[in-house]
Amino acid sequence: MSHRPIREVEDYTKPFLWMLCVLLFIGFITLWATFGYLASLLSGAVAHLFIGRLPRRD
């Protein structure tokens, strides 16, 4: 068995926290885009239904 001296390991806390922030940002943007798209799709469908019920002018 070789007896290598025990060295101090590198501290990866800051890179981990930065990548966590980046991943959270991407996740929130994805949620925002998804639910924003669904909200606009639903409001467009409701507007289409109400416009279709309006009486026609001759």
N, C-alpha and C. Protein backbone atom coordinates (compact mmCIF):
# COMPACT_ATOMS: atom_id res chain seq x y z
N MET A 1 0.83 -1.18 0.00
CA MET A 1 0.00 0.00 0.00
C MET A 1 0.88 1.24 0.00
N SER A 2 0.51 2.18 -0.83
CA SER A 2 1.29 3.41 -0.85
C SER A 2 0.75 4.37 0.19
N HIS A 3 1.64 5.10 0.80
CA HIS A 3 1.25 6.06 1.82
C HIS A 3 1.39 7.46 1.24
N ARG A 4 0.32 7.89 0.60
CA ARG A 4 0.33 9.24 0.05
C ARG A 4 -0.12 10.21 1.13
N PRO A 5 0.45 11.40 1.13
CA PRO A 5 0.01 12.37 2.13
C PRO A 5 -1.41 12.85 1.83
N ILE A 6 -2.15 13.06 2.87
CA ILE A 6 -3.53 13.54 2.72
C ILE A 6 -3.50 15.02 2.43
N ARG A 7 -4.14 15.38 1.29
CA ARG A 7 -4.16 16.78 0.90
C ARG A 7 -5.55 17.35 1.13
N GLU A 8 -5.61 18.65 1.19
CA GLU A 8 -6.89 19.33 1.31
C GLU A 8 -7.58 19.34 -0.05
N VAL A 9 -8.87 19.03 -0.06
CA VAL A 9 -9.60 19.01 -1.33
C VAL A 9 -10.04 20.42 -1.70
N GLU A 10 -10.32 20.59 -3.00
CA GLU A 10 -10.77 21.90 -3.47
C GLU A 10 -12.19 22.16 -2.99
N ASP A 11 -12.48 23.41 -2.76
CA ASP A 11 -13.80 23.82 -2.30
C ASP A 11 -14.66 24.15 -3.52
N TYR A 12 -15.66 23.32 -3.77
CA TYR A 12 -16.55 23.51 -4.91
C TYR A 12 -17.89 24.10 -4.51
N THR A 13 -17.97 24.73 -3.37
CA THR A 13 -19.24 25.27 -2.89
C THR A 13 -19.73 26.41 -3.78
N LYS A 14 -18.88 27.36 -4.09
CA LYS A 14 -19.30 28.50 -4.91
C LYS A 14 -19.70 28.09 -6.33
N PRO A 15 -18.92 27.24 -7.03
CA PRO A 15 -19.38 26.81 -8.35
C PRO A 15 -20.71 26.05 -8.29
N PHE A 16 -20.90 25.24 -7.24
CA PHE A 16 -22.15 24.52 -7.08
C PHE A 16 -23.31 25.49 -6.90
N LEU A 17 -23.13 26.49 -6.07
CA LEU A 17 -24.20 27.46 -5.84
C LEU A 17 -24.50 28.27 -7.10
N TRP A 18 -23.47 28.62 -7.86
CA TRP A 18 -23.71 29.34 -9.12
C TRP A 18 -24.49 28.49 -10.10
N MET A 19 -24.13 27.23 -10.23
CA MET A 19 -24.85 26.35 -11.15
C MET A 19 -26.27 26.10 -10.66
N LEU A 20 -26.46 26.04 -9.35
CA LEU A 20 -27.81 25.90 -8.81
C LEU A 20 -28.65 27.12 -9.17
N CYS A 21 -28.07 28.31 -9.08
CA CYS A 21 -28.78 29.53 -9.47
C CYS A 21 -29.13 29.51 -10.96
N VAL A 22 -28.19 29.06 -11.78
CA VAL A 22 -28.45 28.99 -13.22
C VAL A 22 -29.57 28.00 -13.51
N LEU A 23 -29.54 26.84 -12.88
CA LEU A 23 -30.57 25.83 -13.11
C LEU A 23 -31.94 26.30 -12.61
N LEU A 24 -31.98 26.98 -11.47
CA LEU A 24 -33.24 27.53 -10.98
C LEU A 24 -33.78 28.58 -11.92
N PHE A 25 -32.89 29.42 -12.43
CA PHE A 25 -33.31 30.46 -13.38
C PHE A 25 -33.91 29.83 -14.63
N ILE A 26 -33.25 28.80 -15.16
CA ILE A 26 -33.76 28.11 -16.35
C ILE A 26 -35.09 27.45 -16.04
N GLY A 27 -35.21 26.86 -14.87
CA GLY A 27 -36.47 26.22 -14.48
C GLY A 27 -37.60 27.22 -14.35
N PHE A 28 -37.33 28.37 -13.75
CA PHE A 28 -38.37 29.39 -13.61
C PHE A 28 -38.76 29.97 -14.97
N ILE A 29 -37.80 30.15 -15.86
CA ILE A 29 -38.11 30.65 -17.20
C ILE A 29 -38.99 29.62 -17.94
N THR A 30 -38.67 28.34 -17.77
CA THR A 30 -39.47 27.29 -18.41
C THR A 30 -40.90 27.29 -17.87
N LEU A 31 -41.05 27.38 -16.55
CA LEU A 31 -42.39 27.44 -15.97
C LEU A 31 -43.14 28.67 -16.45
N TRP A 32 -42.47 29.79 -16.49
CA TRP A 32 -43.10 31.04 -16.92
C TRP A 32 -43.56 30.92 -18.37
N ALA A 33 -42.71 30.36 -19.21
CA ALA A 33 -43.06 30.21 -20.63
C ALA A 33 -44.22 29.23 -20.80
N THR A 34 -44.20 28.15 -20.05
CA THR A 34 -45.25 27.14 -20.17
C THR A 34 -46.59 27.68 -19.71
N PHE A 35 -46.63 28.23 -18.51
CA PHE A 35 -47.90 28.71 -17.98
C PHE A 35 -48.34 30.00 -18.66
N GLY A 36 -47.40 30.79 -19.12
CA GLY A 36 -47.76 31.98 -19.89
C GLY A 36 -48.39 31.61 -21.22
N TYR A 37 -47.85 30.57 -21.85
CA TYR A 37 -48.42 30.09 -23.11
C TYR A 37 -49.82 29.53 -22.88
N LEU A 38 -49.98 28.76 -21.81
CA LEU A 38 -51.29 28.19 -21.52
C LEU A 38 -52.31 29.28 -21.20
N ALA A 39 -51.89 30.29 -20.45
CA ALA A 39 -52.81 31.38 -20.11
C ALA A 39 -53.22 32.15 -21.37
N SER A 40 -52.28 32.42 -22.25
CA SER A 40 -52.64 33.14 -23.48
C SER A 40 -53.51 32.28 -24.39
N LEU A 41 -53.26 30.98 -24.43
CA LEU A 41 -54.08 30.08 -25.23
C LEU A 41 -55.51 30.02 -24.70
N LEU A 42 -55.66 29.92 -23.38
CA LEU A 42 -57.00 29.89 -22.79
C LEU A 42 -57.74 31.22 -22.98
N SER A 43 -57.06 32.32 -22.78
CA SER A 43 -57.73 33.61 -22.97
C SER A 43 -58.11 33.83 -24.43
N GLY A 44 -57.30 33.35 -25.35
CA GLY A 44 -57.64 33.44 -26.77
C GLY A 44 -58.84 32.58 -27.12
N ALA A 45 -58.92 31.39 -26.53
CA ALA A 45 -60.07 30.52 -26.77
C ALA A 45 -61.35 31.12 -26.21
N VAL A 46 -61.26 31.70 -25.02
CA VAL A 46 -62.44 32.34 -24.41
C VAL A 46 -62.87 33.54 -25.24
N ALA A 47 -61.93 34.34 -25.70
CA ALA A 47 -62.27 35.49 -26.55
C ALA A 47 -62.90 35.02 -27.85
N HIS A 48 -62.40 33.95 -28.41
CA HIS A 48 -62.96 33.41 -29.65
C HIS A 48 -64.42 32.96 -29.43
N LEU A 49 -64.69 32.32 -28.31
CA LEU A 49 -66.05 31.89 -28.01
C LEU A 49 -67.00 33.08 -27.84
N PHE A 50 -66.54 34.11 -27.12
CA PHE A 50 -67.40 35.28 -26.91
C PHE A 50 -67.60 36.07 -28.20
N ILE A 51 -66.60 36.16 -29.02
CA ILE A 51 -66.74 36.88 -30.28
C ILE A 51 -67.70 36.11 -31.20
N GLY A 52 -67.66 34.80 -31.16
CA GLY A 52 -68.55 33.98 -31.96
C GLY A 52 -70.01 34.13 -31.55
N ARG A 53 -70.29 34.53 -30.33
CA ARG A 53 -71.67 34.68 -29.84
C ARG A 53 -72.24 36.08 -30.09
N LEU A 54 -71.41 36.99 -30.54
CA LEU A 54 -71.90 38.33 -30.82
C LEU A 54 -72.82 38.29 -32.05
N PRO A 55 -73.88 39.10 -32.02
CA PRO A 55 -74.77 39.10 -33.18
C PRO A 55 -74.07 39.77 -34.37
N ARG A 56 -74.39 39.28 -35.57
CA ARG A 56 -73.77 39.84 -36.79
C ARG A 56 -74.52 41.09 -37.21
N ARG A 57 -73.78 42.03 -37.76
CA ARG A 57 -74.40 43.24 -38.31
C ARG A 57 -74.52 43.06 -39.81
N ASP A 58 -75.64 43.41 -40.34
CA ASP A 58 -75.83 43.29 -41.79
C ASP A 58 -75.62 44.58 -42.51
